[in-house]
């Protein structure tokens, strides 16, 4: 009988409220801890993708030096001036142009071993934080930096024609010149625009078709551009290049100080 009364005593109204309250407090604490844990985990994962990286802005400065490959550009890790072996004055304004005006470039690698590389194999260089790319035996500034880059370069074009010394035409300034006969090659310099895909390092001519290919990385923007008339596509190329870079920012390693 006493045992029964003790069991019934445990079910008094005062005790009924205590157990649920404790359980609710425990559940609230548990859920709070779980949410905090998930937040911290998610935060850490999101930060891991950009650790040591910085979003590119016009104020960003590439590390000065010679970039042997595009991968070094992506890593912002060139051959520093201090590691180059040269007689050129390190304070010269055109230091890199003088160093690269030779057939080979000599430098010390990361373990102090002397190395050499053909100048024709070098990707480019950075001076005062500005990136220059090698193109047709010259180096040209990349004016627009982003996931899609843009630059202008002077290239040499060649035209093969034929010369017949026995052909006469009174309407030609040179009466004995015409197409036909033995070949002659003529060269001229031409200013051209190019695109650089910063994801792959590929260089393309700056035209509608190539821009449209690069815009495929942003399906919404690509669909918008592809629906334009051909004339509009040509007129708005630069606008859509900038739109793409704004919507798809470029991240680079933080320059070492």
C-alpha atoms as a PDB file:
ATOM      1  CA  UNK A   1       0.000   0.000   0.000  1.00  0.00           C
ATOM      2  CA  UNK A   2       2.824   2.330   0.905  1.00  0.00           C
ATOM      3  CA  UNK A   3       4.575   1.407  -2.321  1.00  0.00           C
ATOM      4  CA  UNK A   4       1.494   2.262  -4.284  1.00  0.00           C
ATOM      5  CA  UNK A   5       1.181   5.614  -2.560  1.00  0.00           C
ATOM      6  CA  UNK A   6       4.839   6.400  -3.271  1.00  0.00           C
ATOM      7  CA  UNK A   7       4.315   5.672  -6.946  1.00  0.00           C
ATOM      8  CA  UNK A   8       1.224   7.828  -6.969  1.00  0.00           C
ATOM      9  CA  UNK A   9       3.203  10.568  -5.212  1.00  0.00           C
ATOM     10  CA  UNK A  10       5.554  10.759  -8.145  1.00  0.00           C
ATOM     11  CA  UNK A  11       2.644  11.781 -10.310  1.00  0.00           C
ATOM     12  CA  UNK A  12       1.653  14.831  -8.285  1.00  0.00           C
ATOM     13  CA  UNK A  13       0.859  17.990 -10.304  1.00  0.00           C
ATOM     14  CA  UNK A  14       4.029  19.725  -9.075  1.00  0.00           C
ATOM     15  CA  UNK A  15       6.235  16.958 -10.412  1.00  0.00           C
ATOM     16  CA  UNK A  16       4.388  16.754 -13.726  1.00  0.00           C
ATOM     17  CA  UNK A  17       5.608  20.252 -14.713  1.00  0.00           C
ATOM     18  CA  UNK A  18       9.234  19.723 -13.744  1.00  0.00           C
ATOM     19  CA  UNK A  19      10.111  16.886 -16.108  1.00  0.00           C
ATOM     20  CA  UNK A  20       8.768  18.484 -19.299  1.00  0.00           C
ATOM     21  CA  UNK A  21      10.495  21.804 -18.489  1.00  0.00           C
ATOM     22  CA  UNK A  22      13.846  20.101 -18.000  1.00  0.00           C
ATOM     23  CA  UNK A  23      13.358  18.181 -21.199  1.00  0.00           C
ATOM     24  CA  UNK A  24      12.490  21.340 -23.102  1.00  0.00           C
ATOM     25  CA  UNK A  25      15.557  23.107 -21.709  1.00  0.00           C
ATOM     26  CA  UNK A  26      17.724  20.163 -22.700  1.00  0.00           C
ATOM     27  CA  UNK A  27      16.210  20.060 -26.193  1.00  0.00           C
ATOM     28  CA  UNK A  28      16.734  23.810 -26.645  1.00  0.00           C
ATOM     29  CA  UNK A  29      20.355  23.577 -25.525  1.00  0.00           C
ATOM     30  CA  UNK A  30      20.935  20.605 -27.790  1.00  0.00           C
ATOM     31  CA  UNK A  31      19.429  22.330 -30.827  1.00  0.00           C
ATOM     32  CA  UNK A  32      21.368  25.517 -30.089  1.00  0.00           C
ATOM     33  CA  UNK A  33      24.634  23.570 -29.885  1.00  0.00           C
ATOM     34  CA  UNK A  34      23.853  21.703 -33.109  1.00  0.00           C
ATOM     35  CA  UNK A  35      23.030  24.921 -34.975  1.00  0.00           C
ATOM     36  CA  UNK A  36      26.217  26.550 -33.698  1.00  0.00           C
ATOM     37  CA  UNK A  37      28.237  23.493 -34.729  1.00  0.00           C
ATOM     38  CA  UNK A  38      26.720  23.459 -38.210  1.00  0.00           C
ATOM     39  CA  UNK A  39      27.328  27.198 -38.589  1.00  0.00           C
ATOM     40  CA  UNK A  40      30.967  26.878 -37.579  1.00  0.00           C
ATOM     41  CA  UNK A  41      31.425  23.869 -39.873  1.00  0.00           C
ATOM     42  CA  UNK A  42      29.821  25.637 -42.816  1.00  0.00           C
ATOM     43  CA  UNK A  43      31.866  28.777 -42.126  1.00  0.00           C
ATOM     44  CA  UNK A  44      35.101  26.806 -42.041  1.00  0.00           C
ATOM     45  CA  UNK A  45      34.291  25.018 -45.298  1.00  0.00           C
ATOM     46  CA  UNK A  46      33.429  28.272 -47.041  1.00  0.00           C
ATOM     47  CA  UNK A  47      36.631  29.893 -45.814  1.00  0.00           C
ATOM     48  CA  UNK A  48      38.768  26.931 -46.872  1.00  0.00           C
ATOM     49  CA  UNK A  49      38.066  27.617 -50.547  1.00  0.00           C
ATOM     50  CA  UNK A  50      39.450  31.158 -50.359  1.00  0.00           C
ATOM     51  CA  UNK A  51      42.185  30.805 -47.748  1.00  0.00           C
ATOM     52  CA  UNK A  52      45.091  32.956 -48.852  1.00  0.00           C
ATOM     53  CA  UNK A  53      43.037  34.255 -51.798  1.00  0.00           C
ATOM     54  CA  UNK A  54      41.785  37.738 -52.523  1.00  0.00           C
ATOM     55  CA  UNK A  55      39.147  38.961 -54.938  1.00  0.00           C
ATOM     56  CA  UNK A  56      40.693  40.819 -57.856  1.00  0.00           C
ATOM     57  CA  UNK A  57      40.090  44.559 -58.045  1.00  0.00           C
ATOM     58  CA  UNK A  58      41.833  47.227 -60.153  1.00  0.00           C
ATOM     59  CA  UNK A  59      43.945  47.984 -57.064  1.00  0.00           C
ATOM     60  CA  UNK A  60      45.400  44.458 -57.018  1.00  0.00           C
ATOM     61  CA  UNK A  61      49.123  44.267 -57.826  1.00  0.00           C
ATOM     62  CA  UNK A  62      50.745  41.184 -59.285  1.00  0.00           C
ATOM     63  CA  UNK A  63      54.089  40.264 -57.780  1.00  0.00           C
ATOM     64  CA  UNK A  64      56.892  41.799 -59.854  1.00  0.00           C
ATOM     65  CA  UNK A  65      59.050  39.298 -61.697  1.00  0.00           C
ATOM     66  CA  UNK A  66      59.217  37.019 -64.731  1.00  0.00           C
ATOM     67  CA  UNK A  67      56.448  34.460 -65.180  1.00  0.00           C
ATOM     68  CA  UNK A  68      57.713  31.349 -66.908  1.00  0.00           C
ATOM     69  CA  UNK A  69      54.228  29.866 -67.356  1.00  0.00           C
ATOM     70  CA  UNK A  70      50.586  30.787 -66.995  1.00  0.00           C
ATOM     71  CA  UNK A  71      50.343  28.560 -63.921  1.00  0.00           C
ATOM     72  CA  UNK A  72      52.819  30.891 -62.210  1.00  0.00           C
ATOM     73  CA  UNK A  73      50.486  33.761 -63.109  1.00  0.00           C
ATOM     74  CA  UNK A  74      47.538  31.946 -61.524  1.00  0.00           C
ATOM     75  CA  UNK A  75      49.627  31.355 -58.403  1.00  0.00           C
ATOM     76  CA  UNK A  76      51.034  34.910 -58.524  1.00  0.00           C
ATOM     77  CA  UNK A  77      54.458  33.344 -58.064  1.00  0.00           C
ATOM     78  CA  UNK A  78      57.050  34.647 -60.578  1.00  0.00           C
ATOM     79  CA  UNK A  79      60.830  34.479 -60.676  1.00  0.00           C
ATOM     80  CA  UNK A  80      61.694  37.504 -58.554  1.00  0.00           C
ATOM     81  CA  UNK A  81      64.153  40.154 -59.717  1.00  0.00           C
ATOM     82  CA  UNK A  82      66.472  39.194 -56.865  1.00  0.00           C
ATOM     83  CA  UNK A  83      66.799  35.676 -58.306  1.00  0.00           C
ATOM     84  CA  UNK A  84      67.617  36.782 -61.858  1.00  0.00           C
ATOM     85  CA  UNK A  85      71.244  36.550 -62.997  1.00  0.00           C
ATOM     86  CA  UNK A  86      71.978  39.592 -65.137  1.00  0.00           C
ATOM     87  CA  UNK A  87      74.267  42.562 -65.612  1.00  0.00           C
ATOM     88  CA  UNK A  88      71.302  44.896 -66.138  1.00  0.00           C
ATOM     89  CA  UNK A  89      70.864  47.633 -63.527  1.00  0.00           C
ATOM     90  CA  UNK A  90      68.097  46.423 -61.178  1.00  0.00           C
ATOM     91  CA  UNK A  91      66.846  49.997 -60.779  1.00  0.00           C
ATOM     92  CA  UNK A  92      66.443  50.544 -64.527  1.00  0.00           C
ATOM     93  CA  UNK A  93      62.931  51.511 -65.629  1.00  0.00           C
ATOM     94  CA  UNK A  94      63.044  49.025 -68.509  1.00  0.00           C
ATOM     95  CA  UNK A  95      64.811  46.312 -66.501  1.00  0.00           C
ATOM     96  CA  UNK A  96      62.625  43.467 -67.706  1.00  0.00           C
ATOM     97  CA  UNK A  97      62.746  44.545 -71.357  1.00  0.00           C
ATOM     98  CA  UNK A  98      66.549  44.556 -71.220  1.00  0.00           C
ATOM     99  CA  UNK A  99      66.734  41.177 -69.499  1.00  0.00           C
ATOM    100  CA  UNK A 100      64.285  39.678 -71.994  1.00  0.00           C
ATOM    101  CA  UNK A 101      66.165  41.155 -74.940  1.00  0.00           C
ATOM    102  CA  UNK A 102      68.486  38.141 -74.801  1.00  0.00           C
ATOM    103  CA  UNK A 103      68.101  34.634 -76.139  1.00  0.00           C
ATOM    104  CA  UNK A 104      68.191  33.097 -72.655  1.00  0.00           C
ATOM    105  CA  UNK A 105      67.250  34.205 -69.158  1.00  0.00           C
ATOM    106  CA  UNK A 106      69.294  32.896 -66.215  1.00  0.00           C
ATOM    107  CA  UNK A 107      68.083  32.644 -62.628  1.00  0.00           C
ATOM    108  CA  UNK A 108      68.444  30.776 -59.331  1.00  0.00           C
ATOM    109  CA  UNK A 109      65.631  28.358 -58.547  1.00  0.00           C
ATOM    110  CA  UNK A 110      64.042  27.827 -55.098  1.00  0.00           C
ATOM    111  CA  UNK A 111      66.949  25.592 -53.984  1.00  0.00           C
ATOM    112  CA  UNK A 112      69.653  27.946 -55.247  1.00  0.00           C
ATOM    113  CA  UNK A 113      70.513  26.026 -58.433  1.00  0.00           C
ATOM    114  CA  UNK A 114      71.323  28.039 -61.554  1.00  0.00           C
ATOM    115  CA  UNK A 115      68.744  27.580 -64.311  1.00  0.00           C
ATOM    116  CA  UNK A 116      68.207  28.921 -67.798  1.00  0.00           C
ATOM    117  CA  UNK A 117      65.167  29.269 -70.016  1.00  0.00           C
ATOM    118  CA  UNK A 118      64.664  30.449 -73.575  1.00  0.00           C
ATOM    119  CA  UNK A 119      63.176  33.917 -73.717  1.00  0.00           C
ATOM    120  CA  UNK A 120      60.775  32.681 -76.401  1.00  0.00           C
ATOM    121  CA  UNK A 121      59.305  30.223 -73.848  1.00  0.00           C
ATOM    122  CA  UNK A 122      58.541  32.859 -71.211  1.00  0.00           C
ATOM    123  CA  UNK A 123      54.875  33.728 -70.609  1.00  0.00           C
ATOM    124  CA  UNK A 124      55.426  37.332 -69.513  1.00  0.00           C
ATOM    125  CA  UNK A 125      56.318  39.546 -66.581  1.00  0.00           C
ATOM    126  CA  UNK A 126      54.906  41.974 -64.039  1.00  0.00           C
ATOM    127  CA  UNK A 127      56.260  45.463 -63.427  1.00  0.00           C
ATOM    128  CA  UNK A 128      54.847  47.748 -60.729  1.00  0.00           C
ATOM    129  CA  UNK A 129      52.051  45.227 -60.250  1.00  0.00           C
ATOM    130  CA  UNK A 130      50.969  45.383 -63.916  1.00  0.00           C
ATOM    131  CA  UNK A 131      50.875  42.196 -65.999  1.00  0.00           C
ATOM    132  CA  UNK A 132      52.520  41.988 -69.448  1.00  0.00           C
ATOM    133  CA  UNK A 133      52.099  39.026 -71.802  1.00  0.00           C
ATOM    134  CA  UNK A 134      54.486  37.811 -74.507  1.00  0.00           C
ATOM    135  CA  UNK A 135      53.084  37.973 -78.015  1.00  0.00           C
ATOM    136  CA  UNK A 136      54.866  37.885 -81.367  1.00  0.00           C
ATOM    137  CA  UNK A 137      58.317  38.767 -79.979  1.00  0.00           C
ATOM    138  CA  UNK A 138      56.925  41.615 -77.878  1.00  0.00           C
ATOM    139  CA  UNK A 139      55.349  42.134 -74.449  1.00  0.00           C
ATOM    140  CA  UNK A 140      51.978  43.796 -74.088  1.00  0.00           C
ATOM    141  CA  UNK A 141      50.035  45.062 -71.094  1.00  0.00           C
ATOM    142  CA  UNK A 142      46.849  43.191 -70.200  1.00  0.00           C
ATOM    143  CA  UNK A 143      44.453  46.101 -69.785  1.00  0.00           C
ATOM    144  CA  UNK A 144      41.388  44.195 -68.538  1.00  0.00           C
ATOM    145  CA  UNK A 145      41.970  41.561 -65.830  1.00  0.00           C
ATOM    146  CA  UNK A 146      39.278  39.077 -64.790  1.00  0.00           C
ATOM    147  CA  UNK A 147      38.064  35.578 -65.497  1.00  0.00           C
ATOM    148  CA  UNK A 148      38.090  36.871 -69.085  1.00  0.00           C
ATOM    149  CA  UNK A 149      41.014  39.191 -69.859  1.00  0.00           C
ATOM    150  CA  UNK A 150      41.451  41.575 -72.783  1.00  0.00           C
ATOM    151  CA  UNK A 151      44.579  43.041 -74.332  1.00  0.00           C
ATOM    152  CA  UNK A 152      45.866  44.592 -77.545  1.00  0.00           C
ATOM    153  CA  UNK A 153      49.057  43.514 -79.328  1.00  0.00           C
ATOM    154  CA  UNK A 154      50.924  44.395 -82.489  1.00  0.00           C
ATOM    155  CA  UNK A 155      51.528  41.302 -84.607  1.00  0.00           C
ATOM    156  CA  UNK A 156      53.366  40.806 -87.872  1.00  0.00           C
ATOM    157  CA  UNK A 157      51.302  39.445 -90.755  1.00  0.00           C
ATOM    158  CA  UNK A 158      52.691  37.966 -93.943  1.00  0.00           C
ATOM    159  CA  UNK A 159      51.288  38.022 -97.462  1.00  0.00           C
ATOM    160  CA  UNK A 160      52.690  35.847-100.254  1.00  0.00           C
ATOM    161  CA  UNK A 161      52.345  37.179-103.786  1.00  0.00           C
ATOM    162  CA  UNK A 162      53.902  36.410-107.138  1.00  0.00           C
ATOM    163  CA  UNK A 163      55.998  38.703-109.285  1.00  0.00           C
ATOM    164  CA  UNK A 164      56.389  38.412-113.062  1.00  0.00           C
ATOM    165  CA  UNK A 165      59.099  40.779-114.384  1.00  0.00           C
ATOM    166  CA  UNK A 166      57.938  40.318-118.015  1.00  0.00           C
ATOM    167  CA  UNK A 167      54.330  41.364-117.547  1.00  0.00           C
ATOM    168  CA  UNK A 168      53.463  44.912-118.647  1.00  0.00           C
ATOM    169  CA  UNK A 169      50.381  46.849-117.513  1.00  0.00           C
ATOM    170  CA  UNK A 170      50.228  50.608-118.082  1.00  0.00           C
ATOM    171  CA  UNK A 171      47.795  51.075-115.155  1.00  0.00           C
ATOM    172  CA  UNK A 172      50.310  49.833-112.594  1.00  0.00           C
ATOM    173  CA  UNK A 173      52.779  52.270-111.090  1.00  0.00           C
ATOM    174  CA  UNK A 174      55.335  49.524-111.464  1.00  0.00           C
ATOM    175  CA  UNK A 175      54.577  48.417-115.034  1.00  0.00           C
ATOM    176  CA  UNK A 176      56.196  45.042-114.624  1.00  0.00           C
ATOM    177  CA  UNK A 177      54.407  43.974-111.432  1.00  0.00           C
ATOM    178  CA  UNK A 178      51.569  41.488-111.338  1.00  0.00           C
ATOM    179  CA  UNK A 179      50.394  38.417-109.455  1.00  0.00           C
ATOM    180  CA  UNK A 180      51.929  35.347-111.043  1.00  0.00           C
ATOM    181  CA  UNK A 181      55.569  34.492-111.622  1.00  0.00           C
ATOM    182  CA  UNK A 182      57.973  33.839-108.754  1.00  0.00           C
ATOM    183  CA  UNK A 183      56.792  34.234-105.141  1.00  0.00           C
ATOM    184  CA  UNK A 184      57.540  37.220-102.944  1.00  0.00           C
ATOM    185  CA  UNK A 185      56.547  37.602 -99.287  1.00  0.00           C
ATOM    186  CA  UNK A 186      55.482  40.905 -97.815  1.00  0.00           C
ATOM    187  CA  UNK A 187      55.098  41.625 -94.108  1.00  0.00           C
ATOM    188  CA  UNK A 188      53.196  44.301 -92.235  1.00  0.00           C
ATOM    189  CA  UNK A 189      52.403  45.146 -88.615  1.00  0.00           C
ATOM    190  CA  UNK A 190      48.808  44.922 -87.500  1.00  0.00           C
ATOM    191  CA  UNK A 191      47.119  45.925 -84.231  1.00  0.00           C
ATOM    192  CA  UNK A 192      44.853  43.147 -82.950  1.00  0.00           C
ATOM    193  CA  UNK A 193      42.678  42.517 -79.899  1.00  0.00           C
ATOM    194  CA  UNK A 194      42.758  39.293 -77.903  1.00  0.00           C
ATOM    195  CA  UNK A 195      40.937  37.494 -75.104  1.00  0.00           C
ATOM    196  CA  UNK A 196      42.659  35.484 -72.392  1.00  0.00           C
ATOM    197  CA  UNK A 197      40.712  32.781 -70.559  1.00  0.00           C
ATOM    198  CA  UNK A 198      42.073  33.007 -67.005  1.00  0.00           C
ATOM    199  CA  UNK A 199      40.749  29.535 -66.178  1.00  0.00           C
ATOM    200  CA  UNK A 200      42.757  27.777 -68.885  1.00  0.00           C
ATOM    201  CA  UNK A 201      45.321  30.313 -70.110  1.00  0.00           C
ATOM    202  CA  UNK A 202      44.018  30.028 -73.673  1.00  0.00           C
ATOM    203  CA  UNK A 203      44.443  33.084 -75.915  1.00  0.00           C
ATOM    204  CA  UNK A 204      41.716  33.804 -78.468  1.00  0.00           C
ATOM    205  CA  UNK A 205      40.940  36.440 -81.058  1.00  0.00           C
ATOM    206  CA  UNK A 206      38.533  39.071 -79.741  1.00  0.00           C
ATOM    207  CA  UNK A 207      35.372  38.329 -81.694  1.00  0.00           C
ATOM    208  CA  UNK A 208      31.703  37.418 -81.184  1.00  0.00           C
ATOM    209  CA  UNK A 209      32.119  33.674 -81.478  1.00  0.00           C
ATOM    210  CA  UNK A 210      34.992  33.367 -78.992  1.00  0.00           C
ATOM    211  CA  UNK A 211      33.331  35.652 -76.467  1.00  0.00           C
ATOM    212  CA  UNK A 212      30.128  33.629 -76.729  1.00  0.00           C
ATOM    213  CA  UNK A 213      32.084  30.436 -75.998  1.00  0.00           C
ATOM    214  CA  UNK A 214      33.626  31.962 -72.871  1.00  0.00           C
ATOM    215  CA  UNK A 215      30.255  33.264 -71.691  1.00  0.00           C
ATOM    216  CA  UNK A 216      28.978  29.668 -71.538  1.00  0.00           C
ATOM    217  CA  UNK A 217      30.437  29.496 -68.028  1.00  0.00           C
ATOM    218  CA  UNK A 218      27.563  31.793 -67.025  1.00  0.00           C
ATOM    219  CA  UNK A 219      24.484  30.165 -68.667  1.00  0.00           C
ATOM    220  CA  UNK A 220      22.116  33.034 -67.849  1.00  0.00           C
ATOM    221  CA  UNK A 221      24.436  35.688 -69.289  1.00  0.00           C
ATOM    222  CA  UNK A 222      25.268  33.463 -72.267  1.00  0.00           C
ATOM    223  CA  UNK A 223      21.585  33.013 -73.129  1.00  0.00           C
ATOM    224  CA  UNK A 224      21.072  36.765 -72.888  1.00  0.00           C
ATOM    225  CA  UNK A 225      23.991  37.449 -75.241  1.00  0.00           C
ATOM    226  CA  UNK A 226      23.142  34.665 -77.709  1.00  0.00           C
ATOM    227  CA  UNK A 227      19.648  36.118 -78.239  1.00  0.00           C
ATOM    228  CA  UNK A 228      21.032  39.430 -79.496  1.00  0.00           C
ATOM    229  CA  UNK A 229      21.234  40.215 -83.192  1.00  0.00           C
ATOM    230  CA  UNK A 230      24.660  39.839 -84.797  1.00  0.00           C
ATOM    231  CA  UNK A 231      25.122  43.604 -85.036  1.00  0.00           C
ATOM    232  CA  UNK A 232      24.248  44.051 -81.353  1.00  0.00           C
ATOM    233  CA  UNK A 233      26.597  41.230 -80.379  1.00  0.00           C
ATOM    234  CA  UNK A 234      29.421  43.059 -82.091  1.00  0.00           C
ATOM    235  CA  UNK A 235      28.533  46.395 -80.488  1.00  0.00           C
ATOM    236  CA  UNK A 236      28.097  44.996 -76.964  1.00  0.00           C
ATOM    237  CA  UNK A 237      31.070  42.620 -76.766  1.00  0.00           C
ATOM    238  CA  UNK A 238      32.949  44.745 -74.277  1.00  0.00           C
ATOM    239  CA  UNK A 239      29.868  45.333 -72.132  1.00  0.00           C
ATOM    240  CA  UNK A 240      29.209  41.610 -71.778  1.00  0.00           C
ATOM    241  CA  UNK A 241      32.873  40.903 -71.067  1.00  0.00           C
ATOM    242  CA  UNK A 242      32.679  43.318 -68.125  1.00  0.00           C
ATOM    243  CA  UNK A 243      29.323  41.901 -67.024  1.00  0.00           C
ATOM    244  CA  UNK A 244      30.798  38.416 -66.920  1.00  0.00           C
ATOM    245  CA  UNK A 245      33.759  39.505 -64.805  1.00  0.00           C
ATOM    246  CA  UNK A 246      31.483  41.337 -62.370  1.00  0.00           C
ATOM    247  CA  UNK A 247      29.204  38.312 -61.984  1.00  0.00           C
ATOM    248  CA  UNK A 248      32.095  35.815 -61.874  1.00  0.00           C
ATOM    249  CA  UNK A 249      34.921  37.419 -59.889  1.00  0.00           C
ATOM    250  CA  UNK A 250      38.523  36.307 -60.142  1.00  0.00           C
ATOM    251  CA  UNK A 251      40.362  35.226 -56.983  1.00  0.00           C
ATOM    252  CA  UNK A 252      44.138  35.283 -56.733  1.00  0.00           C
ATOM    253  CA  UNK A 253      46.716  34.431 -54.058  1.00  0.00           C
ATOM    254  CA  UNK A 254      47.532  37.332 -51.789  1.00  0.00           C
ATOM    255  CA  UNK A 255      50.816  38.964 -52.905  1.00  0.00           C
ATOM    256  CA  UNK A 256      53.694  38.282 -50.552  1.00  0.00           C
ATOM    257  CA  UNK A 257      55.011  41.362 -48.794  1.00  0.00           C
END
